[in-house]
């Protein structure tokens, strides 16, 4: 430091000050303004970028809320469709049961009618066979009794006896 103070020269100091002031004036005229403009532009760019980011964030939040709303609506629609499908399934099952019961009752009635007609036919055939067998048995009995003279006489007497009682 002592050396600086001892070697100090006013002429050199004067010229350095003039050059420094001139340099500052030149920088102010030609460099400060473009530098400040660039800094201001940069500041505006950053502000715009921050605003754009904030707007994008808001838009993302809006999109997310829209997506949530759409998803909720889709879930409600899916639930409604599933409920309707279940109801339709239950209705189809119930209708099928009713139809099956009706078919079953119809088949039972047809079977009862068929059984009754078969029964009636069997009874008629049985009566016919019984009457035929009765006639054959009576014919054989009469042939046996009429072929024997004593039996004929007893039969006539018995018939006469029955006739007198009436």
N, C-alpha and C. Protein backbone atom coordinates (compact mmCIF):
# COMPACT_ATOMS: atom_id res chain seq x y z
N UNK A 1 0.80 -1.17 0.00
CA UNK A 1 0.00 0.00 0.00
C UNK A 1 0.86 1.27 0.00
N UNK A 2 1.92 1.17 0.71
CA UNK A 2 2.81 2.35 0.74
C UNK A 2 3.32 2.64 -0.66
N UNK A 3 3.62 1.66 -1.38
CA UNK A 3 4.16 1.86 -2.71
C UNK A 3 3.14 2.54 -3.60
N UNK A 4 1.87 2.18 -3.46
CA UNK A 4 0.81 2.81 -4.25
C UNK A 4 0.71 4.30 -3.92
N UNK A 5 0.74 4.57 -2.67
CA UNK A 5 0.62 5.97 -2.26
C UNK A 5 1.86 6.75 -2.72
N UNK A 6 3.03 6.20 -2.66
CA UNK A 6 4.25 6.88 -3.08
C UNK A 6 4.29 7.07 -4.59
N UNK A 7 3.78 6.13 -5.36
CA UNK A 7 3.84 6.21 -6.82
C UNK A 7 2.60 6.91 -7.41
N UNK A 8 1.77 7.46 -6.62
CA UNK A 8 0.54 8.09 -7.08
C UNK A 8 0.87 9.30 -7.94
N UNK A 9 0.16 9.35 -9.13
CA UNK A 9 0.39 10.46 -10.04
C UNK A 9 -0.97 11.04 -10.40
N UNK A 10 -1.12 12.39 -10.28
CA UNK A 10 -2.40 13.03 -10.56
C UNK A 10 -2.73 13.02 -12.04
N UNK A 11 -1.77 13.08 -12.89
CA UNK A 11 -2.00 13.08 -14.33
C UNK A 11 -2.57 11.76 -14.78
N UNK A 12 -1.96 10.71 -14.29
CA UNK A 12 -2.44 9.37 -14.63
C UNK A 12 -3.83 9.17 -14.05
N UNK A 13 -4.05 9.64 -12.84
CA UNK A 13 -5.35 9.53 -12.19
C UNK A 13 -6.40 10.30 -12.99
N UNK A 14 -6.05 11.49 -13.46
CA UNK A 14 -6.95 12.32 -14.23
C UNK A 14 -7.34 11.62 -15.51
N UNK A 15 -6.37 11.11 -16.24
CA UNK A 15 -6.67 10.43 -17.51
C UNK A 15 -7.47 9.14 -17.28
N UNK A 16 -7.15 8.45 -16.26
CA UNK A 16 -7.90 7.21 -15.98
C UNK A 16 -9.35 7.55 -15.62
N UNK A 17 -9.55 8.64 -14.91
CA UNK A 17 -10.91 9.05 -14.56
C UNK A 17 -11.67 9.48 -15.79
N UNK A 18 -11.02 10.23 -16.69
CA UNK A 18 -11.68 10.67 -17.93
C UNK A 18 -12.01 9.46 -18.79
N UNK A 19 -11.09 8.54 -18.93
CA UNK A 19 -11.33 7.33 -19.73
C UNK A 19 -12.47 6.52 -19.11
N UNK A 20 -12.46 6.44 -17.77
CA UNK A 20 -13.49 5.67 -17.07
C UNK A 20 -14.87 6.30 -17.27
N UNK A 21 -14.93 7.64 -17.15
CA UNK A 21 -16.21 8.35 -17.34
C UNK A 21 -16.64 8.22 -18.78
N UNK A 22 -15.69 8.34 -19.71
CA UNK A 22 -16.02 8.18 -21.14
C UNK A 22 -16.52 6.79 -21.42
N UNK A 23 -15.87 5.82 -20.83
CA UNK A 23 -16.29 4.42 -21.02
C UNK A 23 -17.68 4.21 -20.46
N UNK A 24 -17.96 4.82 -19.32
CA UNK A 24 -19.30 4.69 -18.71
C UNK A 24 -20.33 5.36 -19.61
N UNK A 25 -20.00 6.55 -20.17
CA UNK A 25 -20.94 7.24 -21.06
C UNK A 25 -21.18 6.42 -22.32
N UNK A 26 -20.12 5.85 -22.88
CA UNK A 26 -20.27 5.01 -24.07
C UNK A 26 -21.11 3.77 -23.75
N UNK A 27 -20.80 3.16 -22.61
CA UNK A 27 -21.57 1.96 -22.23
C UNK A 27 -23.03 2.33 -21.99
N UNK A 28 -23.25 3.52 -21.37
CA UNK A 28 -24.62 3.93 -21.09
C UNK A 28 -25.37 4.17 -22.38
N UNK A 29 -24.70 4.82 -23.34
CA UNK A 29 -25.36 5.14 -24.59
C UNK A 29 -25.56 3.91 -25.45
N UNK A 30 -24.58 3.04 -25.55
CA UNK A 30 -24.66 1.91 -26.48
C UNK A 30 -24.93 0.56 -25.82
N UNK A 31 -24.57 0.33 -24.60
CA UNK A 31 -24.68 -1.00 -24.01
C UNK A 31 -25.76 -1.10 -22.96
N UNK A 32 -25.89 -0.06 -22.09
CA UNK A 32 -26.88 -0.15 -21.00
C UNK A 32 -28.29 -0.36 -21.54
N UNK A 33 -28.65 0.42 -22.53
CA UNK A 33 -30.00 0.34 -23.04
C UNK A 33 -30.28 -1.05 -23.62
N UNK A 34 -29.42 -1.58 -24.50
CA UNK A 34 -29.70 -2.94 -25.00
C UNK A 34 -29.66 -3.99 -23.88
N UNK A 35 -28.74 -3.81 -22.92
CA UNK A 35 -28.66 -4.77 -21.81
C UNK A 35 -29.93 -4.68 -20.97
N UNK A 36 -30.36 -3.44 -20.63
CA UNK A 36 -31.59 -3.27 -19.84
C UNK A 36 -32.81 -3.77 -20.61
N UNK A 37 -32.83 -3.49 -21.93
CA UNK A 37 -33.95 -4.00 -22.74
C UNK A 37 -33.97 -5.52 -22.73
N UNK A 38 -32.80 -6.14 -22.85
CA UNK A 38 -32.71 -7.60 -22.83
C UNK A 38 -33.15 -8.13 -21.47
N UNK A 39 -32.73 -7.44 -20.40
CA UNK A 39 -33.14 -7.87 -19.05
C UNK A 39 -34.65 -7.71 -18.89
N UNK A 40 -35.18 -6.58 -19.38
CA UNK A 40 -36.64 -6.37 -19.30
C UNK A 40 -37.40 -7.41 -20.12
N UNK A 41 -36.90 -7.68 -21.32
CA UNK A 41 -37.53 -8.72 -22.16
C UNK A 41 -37.48 -10.07 -21.46
N UNK A 42 -36.35 -10.35 -20.86
CA UNK A 42 -36.19 -11.62 -20.12
C UNK A 42 -37.18 -11.67 -18.97
N UNK A 43 -37.31 -10.54 -18.25
CA UNK A 43 -38.24 -10.48 -17.13
C UNK A 43 -39.68 -10.68 -17.62
N UNK A 44 -40.03 -10.03 -18.73
CA UNK A 44 -41.37 -10.19 -19.30
C UNK A 44 -41.58 -11.65 -19.75
N UNK A 45 -40.56 -12.23 -20.37
CA UNK A 45 -40.65 -13.64 -20.80
C UNK A 45 -40.89 -14.56 -19.61
N UNK A 46 -40.17 -14.29 -18.52
CA UNK A 46 -40.34 -15.12 -17.32
C UNK A 46 -41.75 -14.94 -16.75
N UNK A 47 -42.23 -13.67 -16.72
CA UNK A 47 -43.59 -13.42 -16.23
C UNK A 47 -44.62 -14.15 -17.10
N UNK A 48 -44.43 -14.04 -18.43
CA UNK A 48 -45.35 -14.72 -19.34
C UNK A 48 -45.30 -16.24 -19.16
N UNK A 49 -44.09 -16.75 -18.98
CA UNK A 49 -43.94 -18.19 -18.77
C UNK A 49 -44.63 -18.62 -17.48
N UNK A 50 -44.47 -17.79 -16.40
CA UNK A 50 -45.14 -18.10 -15.13
C UNK A 50 -46.65 -18.04 -15.29
N UNK A 51 -47.15 -17.03 -16.02
CA UNK A 51 -48.59 -16.93 -16.26
C UNK A 51 -49.09 -18.13 -17.08
N UNK A 52 -48.31 -18.47 -18.10
CA UNK A 52 -48.68 -19.63 -18.92
C UNK A 52 -48.69 -20.90 -18.08
N UNK A 53 -47.70 -21.04 -17.21
CA UNK A 53 -47.65 -22.21 -16.33
C UNK A 53 -48.85 -22.23 -15.39
N UNK A 54 -49.19 -21.05 -14.85
CA UNK A 54 -50.36 -20.98 -13.96
C UNK A 54 -51.64 -21.32 -14.73
N UNK A 55 -51.75 -20.77 -15.95
CA UNK A 55 -52.92 -21.08 -16.78
C UNK A 55 -52.97 -22.56 -17.12
N UNK A 56 -51.81 -23.11 -17.45
CA UNK A 56 -51.76 -24.55 -17.77
C UNK A 56 -52.14 -25.38 -16.55
N UNK A 57 -51.71 -24.94 -15.38
CA UNK A 57 -52.05 -25.65 -14.15
C UNK A 57 -53.55 -25.60 -13.91
N UNK A 58 -54.14 -24.40 -14.10
CA UNK A 58 -55.59 -24.27 -13.94
C UNK A 58 -56.32 -25.15 -14.95
N UNK A 59 -55.80 -25.11 -16.18
CA UNK A 59 -56.44 -25.93 -17.23
C UNK A 59 -56.32 -27.41 -16.90
N UNK A 60 -55.17 -27.82 -16.39
CA UNK A 60 -55.00 -29.22 -15.98
C UNK A 60 -55.98 -29.58 -14.87
N UNK A 61 -56.16 -28.66 -13.91
CA UNK A 61 -57.11 -28.92 -12.82
C UNK A 61 -58.53 -29.02 -13.39
N UNK A 62 -58.85 -28.13 -14.32
CA UNK A 62 -60.17 -28.20 -14.95
C UNK A 62 -60.34 -29.52 -15.70
N UNK A 63 -59.30 -29.91 -16.44
CA UNK A 63 -59.36 -31.17 -17.18
C UNK A 63 -59.50 -32.35 -16.22
N UNK A 64 -58.77 -32.30 -15.11
CA UNK A 64 -58.87 -33.38 -14.13
C UNK A 64 -60.27 -33.43 -13.54
N UNK A 65 -60.83 -32.26 -13.22
CA UNK A 65 -62.20 -32.26 -12.67
C UNK A 65 -63.19 -32.75 -13.72
N UNK A 66 -62.97 -32.34 -14.99
CA UNK A 66 -63.83 -32.84 -16.08
C UNK A 66 -63.68 -34.35 -16.22
N UNK A 67 -62.43 -34.81 -16.16
CA UNK A 67 -62.20 -36.26 -16.26
C UNK A 67 -62.87 -37.00 -15.11
N UNK A 68 -62.78 -36.44 -13.90
CA UNK A 68 -63.44 -37.06 -12.75
C UNK A 68 -64.95 -37.09 -12.95
N UNK A 69 -65.49 -35.99 -13.44
CA UNK A 69 -66.94 -35.91 -13.66
C UNK A 69 -67.36 -36.92 -14.73
N UNK A 70 -66.61 -36.98 -15.83
CA UNK A 70 -66.92 -37.93 -16.90
C UNK A 70 -66.79 -39.36 -16.40
N UNK A 71 -65.75 -39.62 -15.62
CA UNK A 71 -65.56 -40.95 -15.06
C UNK A 71 -66.71 -41.31 -14.13
N UNK A 72 -67.14 -40.35 -13.32
CA UNK A 72 -68.27 -40.59 -12.41
C UNK A 72 -69.54 -40.88 -13.21
N UNK A 73 -69.77 -40.09 -14.27
CA UNK A 73 -70.94 -40.32 -15.11
C UNK A 73 -70.87 -41.70 -15.77
N UNK A 74 -69.68 -42.08 -16.23
CA UNK A 74 -69.51 -43.39 -16.85
C UNK A 74 -69.79 -44.50 -15.84
N UNK A 75 -69.33 -44.31 -14.62
CA UNK A 75 -69.59 -45.32 -13.58
C UNK A 75 -71.09 -45.42 -13.30
N UNK A 76 -71.76 -44.27 -13.20
CA UNK A 76 -73.20 -44.28 -12.95
C UNK A 76 -73.94 -44.97 -14.10
N UNK A 77 -73.51 -44.66 -15.33
CA UNK A 77 -74.14 -45.28 -16.49
C UNK A 77 -73.90 -46.79 -16.50
N UNK A 78 -72.66 -47.19 -16.16
CA UNK A 78 -72.34 -48.62 -16.09
C UNK A 78 -73.21 -49.30 -15.03
N UNK A 79 -73.32 -48.66 -13.86
CA UNK A 79 -74.14 -49.24 -12.78
C UNK A 79 -75.59 -49.36 -13.21
N UNK A 80 -76.09 -48.33 -13.90
CA UNK A 80 -77.47 -48.36 -14.38
C UNK A 80 -77.65 -49.49 -15.39
N UNK A 81 -76.70 -49.63 -16.30
CA UNK A 81 -76.79 -50.70 -17.30
C UNK A 81 -76.74 -52.07 -16.64
N UNK A 82 -75.88 -52.24 -15.65
CA UNK A 82 -75.79 -53.51 -14.95
C UNK A 82 -77.09 -53.81 -14.21
N UNK A 83 -77.66 -52.78 -13.59
CA UNK A 83 -78.93 -52.96 -12.87
C UNK A 83 -80.03 -53.37 -13.85
N UNK A 84 -80.09 -52.69 -14.99
CA UNK A 84 -81.10 -53.03 -16.00
C UNK A 84 -80.89 -54.45 -16.51
N UNK A 85 -79.64 -54.83 -16.71
CA UNK A 85 -79.34 -56.19 -17.19
C UNK A 85 -79.78 -57.22 -16.16
N UNK A 86 -79.52 -56.94 -14.88
CA UNK A 86 -79.96 -57.87 -13.82
C UNK A 86 -81.47 -57.98 -13.80
N UNK A 87 -82.14 -56.82 -13.90
CA UNK A 87 -83.61 -56.83 -13.90
C UNK A 87 -84.14 -57.62 -15.09
N UNK A 88 -83.53 -57.42 -16.26
CA UNK A 88 -83.96 -58.15 -17.45
C UNK A 88 -83.73 -59.65 -17.26
N UNK A 89 -82.59 -60.01 -16.68
CA UNK A 89 -82.29 -61.42 -16.45
C UNK A 89 -83.33 -62.03 -15.51
N UNK A 90 -83.63 -61.32 -14.41
CA UNK A 90 -84.60 -61.83 -13.46
C UNK A 90 -85.98 -61.95 -14.10
N UNK A 91 -86.34 -60.98 -14.94
CA UNK A 91 -87.63 -61.02 -15.62
C UNK A 91 -87.69 -62.20 -16.57
N UNK A 92 -86.61 -62.41 -17.33
CA UNK A 92 -86.57 -63.54 -18.28
C UNK A 92 -86.68 -64.85 -17.51
N UNK A 93 -85.96 -64.95 -16.39
CA UNK A 93 -86.02 -66.18 -15.59
C UNK A 93 -87.42 -66.39 -15.06
N UNK A 94 -88.03 -65.32 -14.54
CA UNK A 94 -89.39 -65.44 -13.99
C UNK A 94 -90.38 -65.82 -15.10
N UNK A 95 -90.25 -65.18 -16.27
CA UNK A 95 -91.14 -65.51 -17.39
C UNK A 95 -90.94 -66.96 -17.82
N UNK A 96 -89.69 -67.39 -17.85
CA UNK A 96 -89.40 -68.78 -18.23
C UNK A 96 -90.00 -69.76 -17.23
N UNK A 97 -89.91 -69.42 -15.93
CA UNK A 97 -90.49 -70.29 -14.91
C UNK A 97 -92.00 -70.37 -15.08
N UNK A 98 -92.63 -69.22 -15.28
CA UNK A 98 -94.09 -69.20 -15.45
C UNK A 98 -94.48 -70.00 -16.68
N UNK A 99 -93.75 -69.80 -17.78
CA UNK A 99 -94.05 -70.53 -19.01
C UNK A 99 -93.83 -72.03 -18.81
N UNK A 100 -92.75 -72.39 -18.11
CA UNK A 100 -92.48 -73.81 -17.86
C UNK A 100 -93.58 -74.42 -16.99
N UNK A 101 -94.03 -73.67 -15.98
CA UNK A 101 -95.11 -74.17 -15.13
C UNK A 101 -96.39 -74.35 -15.95
N UNK A 102 -96.69 -73.37 -16.81
CA UNK A 102 -97.88 -73.47 -17.65
C UNK A 102 -97.77 -74.68 -18.58
N UNK A 103 -96.60 -74.87 -19.17
CA UNK A 103 -96.39 -76.03 -20.05
C UNK A 103 -96.54 -77.33 -19.27
N UNK A 104 -95.97 -77.34 -18.05
CA UNK A 104 -96.07 -78.53 -17.21
C UNK A 104 -97.51 -78.84 -16.86
N UNK A 105 -98.27 -77.82 -16.47
CA UNK A 105 -99.69 -78.03 -16.15
C UNK A 105 -100.46 -78.51 -17.38
N UNK A 106 -100.14 -77.93 -18.52
CA UNK A 106 -100.80 -78.35 -19.76
C UNK A 106 -100.49 -79.80 -20.07
N UNK A 107 -99.23 -80.18 -19.91
CA UNK A 107 -98.83 -81.58 -20.17
C UNK A 107 -99.50 -82.52 -19.17
N UNK A 108 -99.61 -82.08 -17.90
CA UNK A 108 -100.27 -82.92 -16.89
C UNK A 108 -101.74 -83.11 -17.25
N UNK A 109 -102.40 -82.02 -17.67
CA UNK A 109 -103.80 -82.11 -18.05
C UNK A 109 -103.97 -83.02 -19.26
N UNK A 110 -103.07 -82.90 -20.22
CA UNK A 110 -103.13 -83.78 -21.40
C UNK A 110 -102.92 -85.23 -20.99
N UNK A 111 -101.95 -85.44 -20.08
CA UNK A 111 -101.70 -86.80 -19.62
C UNK A 111 -102.91 -87.35 -18.87
N UNK A 112 -103.54 -86.53 -18.02
CA UNK A 112 -104.75 -86.96 -17.29
C UNK A 112 -105.86 -87.31 -18.27
N UNK A 113 -106.03 -86.45 -19.29
CA UNK A 113 -107.07 -86.71 -20.29
C UNK A 113 -106.77 -88.01 -21.04
N UNK A 114 -105.49 -88.21 -21.39
CA UNK A 114 -105.11 -89.45 -22.09
C UNK A 114 -105.34 -90.66 -21.19
N UNK A 115 -104.98 -90.53 -19.93
CA UNK A 115 -105.18 -91.64 -18.98
C UNK A 115 -106.67 -91.94 -18.83
N UNK A 116 -107.48 -90.88 -18.72
CA UNK A 116 -108.93 -91.08 -18.56
C UNK A 116 -109.51 -91.76 -19.80
N UNK A 117 -109.10 -91.31 -21.00
CA UNK A 117 -109.62 -91.94 -22.21
C UNK A 117 -109.15 -93.38 -22.33
N UNK A 118 -107.90 -93.64 -21.94
CA UNK A 118 -107.40 -95.02 -21.95
C UNK A 118 -108.16 -95.87 -20.94
N UNK A 119 -108.44 -95.28 -19.78
CA UNK A 119 -109.19 -95.98 -18.73
C UNK A 119 -110.59 -96.32 -19.23
N UNK A 120 -111.24 -95.31 -19.86
CA UNK A 120 -112.59 -95.55 -20.38
C UNK A 120 -112.57 -96.63 -21.46
N UNK A 121 -111.56 -96.57 -22.33
CA UNK A 121 -111.46 -97.58 -23.39
C UNK A 121 -111.22 -98.94 -22.79
N UNK A 122 -110.33 -98.99 -21.76
CA UNK A 122 -110.05 -100.28 -21.12
C UNK A 122 -111.29 -100.81 -20.42
N UNK A 123 -112.06 -99.92 -19.76
CA UNK A 123 -113.29 -100.35 -19.09
C UNK A 123 -114.30 -100.86 -20.11
N UNK A 124 -114.43 -100.17 -21.22
CA UNK A 124 -115.37 -100.61 -22.27
C UNK A 124 -114.95 -101.97 -22.80
N UNK A 125 -113.65 -102.12 -23.04
CA UNK A 125 -113.16 -103.41 -23.55
C UNK A 125 -113.36 -104.50 -22.52
N UNK A 126 -113.11 -104.17 -21.23
CA UNK A 126 -113.30 -105.14 -20.16
C UNK A 126 -114.77 -105.55 -20.05
N UNK A 127 -115.68 -104.57 -20.14
CA UNK A 127 -117.11 -104.88 -20.10
C UNK A 127 -117.49 -105.78 -21.27
N UNK A 128 -116.92 -105.44 -22.42
CA UNK A 128 -117.22 -106.23 -23.61
C UNK A 128 -116.73 -107.66 -23.43
N UNK A 129 -115.52 -107.82 -22.90
CA UNK A 129 -114.97 -109.16 -22.69
C UNK A 129 -115.76 -109.90 -21.62
N UNK A 130 -116.14 -109.18 -20.54
CA UNK A 130 -116.92 -109.82 -19.46
C UNK A 130 -118.27 -110.29 -20.00
N UNK A 131 -118.91 -109.42 -20.79
CA UNK A 131 -120.21 -109.82 -21.33
C UNK A 131 -120.07 -111.00 -22.29
N UNK A 132 -119.00 -110.98 -23.09
CA UNK A 132 -118.77 -112.10 -24.02
C UNK A 132 -118.51 -113.37 -23.22
N UNK A 133 -117.64 -113.25 -22.19
CA UNK A 133 -117.34 -114.43 -21.36
C UNK A 133 -118.61 -114.92 -20.63
N UNK A 134 -119.43 -113.98 -20.14
CA UNK A 134 -120.66 -114.36 -19.45
C UNK A 134 -121.60 -115.10 -20.39
N UNK A 135 -121.69 -114.60 -21.61
CA UNK A 135 -122.56 -115.27 -22.59
C UNK A 135 -122.02 -116.66 -22.92
N UNK A 136 -120.71 -116.76 -23.08
CA UNK A 136 -120.13 -118.07 -23.39
C UNK A 136 -120.34 -119.04 -22.24
N UNK A 137 -120.13 -118.53 -21.01
CA UNK A 137 -120.33 -119.40 -19.83
C UNK A 137 -121.80 -119.81 -19.72
N UNK A 138 -122.72 -118.86 -19.92
CA UNK A 138 -124.15 -119.17 -19.86
C UNK A 138 -124.53 -120.16 -20.94
N UNK A 139 -123.96 -119.98 -22.13
CA UNK A 139 -124.24 -120.90 -23.24
C UNK A 139 -123.77 -122.30 -22.92
N UNK A 140 -122.56 -122.39 -22.36
CA UNK A 140 -122.02 -123.70 -22.02
C UNK A 140 -122.85 -124.34 -20.91
N UNK A 141 -123.24 -123.52 -19.91
CA UNK A 141 -124.05 -124.05 -18.83
C UNK A 141 -125.41 -124.54 -19.34
N UNK A 142 -126.02 -123.75 -20.21
CA UNK A 142 -127.32 -124.14 -20.75
C UNK A 142 -127.20 -125.39 -21.60
N UNK A 143 -126.12 -125.46 -22.36
CA UNK A 143 -125.92 -126.66 -23.19
C UNK A 143 -125.77 -127.88 -22.30
N UNK A 144 -124.98 -127.69 -21.22
CA UNK A 144 -124.80 -128.82 -20.30
C UNK A 144 -126.13 -129.20 -19.65
N UNK A 145 -126.88 -128.22 -19.21
CA UNK A 145 -128.11 -128.52 -18.51
C UNK A 145 -129.19 -129.00 -19.47
N UNK A 146 -129.21 -128.50 -20.67
CA UNK A 146 -130.24 -128.92 -21.62
C UNK A 146 -129.90 -130.27 -22.23
N UNK A 147 -128.72 -130.66 -22.20
CA UNK A 147 -128.35 -131.97 -22.75
C UNK A 147 -128.77 -133.09 -21.81
N UNK A 148 -128.97 -132.79 -20.58
CA UNK A 148 -129.39 -133.78 -19.58
C UNK A 148 -130.89 -133.57 -19.34
N UNK A 149 -131.70 -134.69 -19.51
CA UNK A 149 -133.15 -134.60 -19.44
C UNK A 149 -133.60 -134.29 -18.03
N UNK A 150 -133.03 -134.90 -17.07
CA UNK A 150 -133.40 -134.64 -15.68
C UNK A 150 -133.12 -133.19 -15.31
N UNK A 151 -132.03 -132.68 -15.74
CA UNK A 151 -131.68 -131.31 -15.43
C UNK A 151 -132.69 -130.37 -16.08
N UNK A 152 -133.19 -130.72 -17.30
CA UNK A 152 -134.16 -129.88 -17.97
C UNK A 152 -135.47 -129.85 -17.18
N UNK A 153 -135.88 -130.97 -16.70
CA UNK A 153 -137.13 -131.07 -15.97
C UNK A 153 -137.00 -130.26 -14.69
N UNK A 154 -135.89 -130.36 -13.99
CA UNK A 154 -135.68 -129.61 -12.74
C UNK A 154 -135.66 -128.11 -13.03
N UNK A 155 -135.06 -127.73 -14.12
CA UNK A 155 -134.99 -126.32 -14.49
C UNK A 155 -136.38 -125.78 -14.78
N UNK A 156 -137.22 -126.55 -15.50
CA UNK A 156 -138.56 -126.11 -15.85
C UNK A 156 -139.38 -126.01 -14.59
N UNK A 157 -139.25 -126.97 -13.69
CA UNK A 157 -140.01 -126.95 -12.45
C UNK A 157 -139.58 -125.75 -11.59
N UNK A 158 -138.32 -125.52 -11.56
CA UNK A 158 -137.82 -124.40 -10.78
C UNK A 158 -138.35 -123.10 -11.36
N UNK A 159 -138.36 -122.95 -12.63
CA UNK A 159 -138.84 -121.74 -13.28
C UNK A 159 -140.35 -121.57 -13.04
N UNK A 160 -141.05 -122.65 -13.07
CA UNK A 160 -142.49 -122.59 -12.82
C UNK A 160 -142.73 -122.18 -11.36
N UNK A 161 -141.90 -122.71 -10.48
CA UNK A 161 -142.01 -122.36 -9.09
C UNK A 161 -141.72 -120.88 -8.86
N UNK A 162 -140.78 -120.40 -9.55
CA UNK A 162 -140.44 -118.96 -9.42
C UNK A 162 -141.54 -118.11 -10.03
N UNK A 163 -142.18 -118.60 -11.08
CA UNK A 163 -143.24 -117.83 -11.73
C UNK A 163 -144.46 -117.72 -10.84
N UNK A 164 -144.76 -118.77 -10.06
CA UNK A 164 -145.92 -118.76 -9.22
C UNK A 164 -145.72 -117.81 -8.05
N UNK A 165 -144.52 -117.63 -7.62
CA UNK A 165 -144.25 -116.76 -6.48
C UNK A 165 -144.45 -115.29 -6.85
N UNK A 166 -144.27 -114.98 -8.05
CA UNK A 166 -144.37 -113.58 -8.45
C UNK A 166 -145.77 -113.19 -8.49
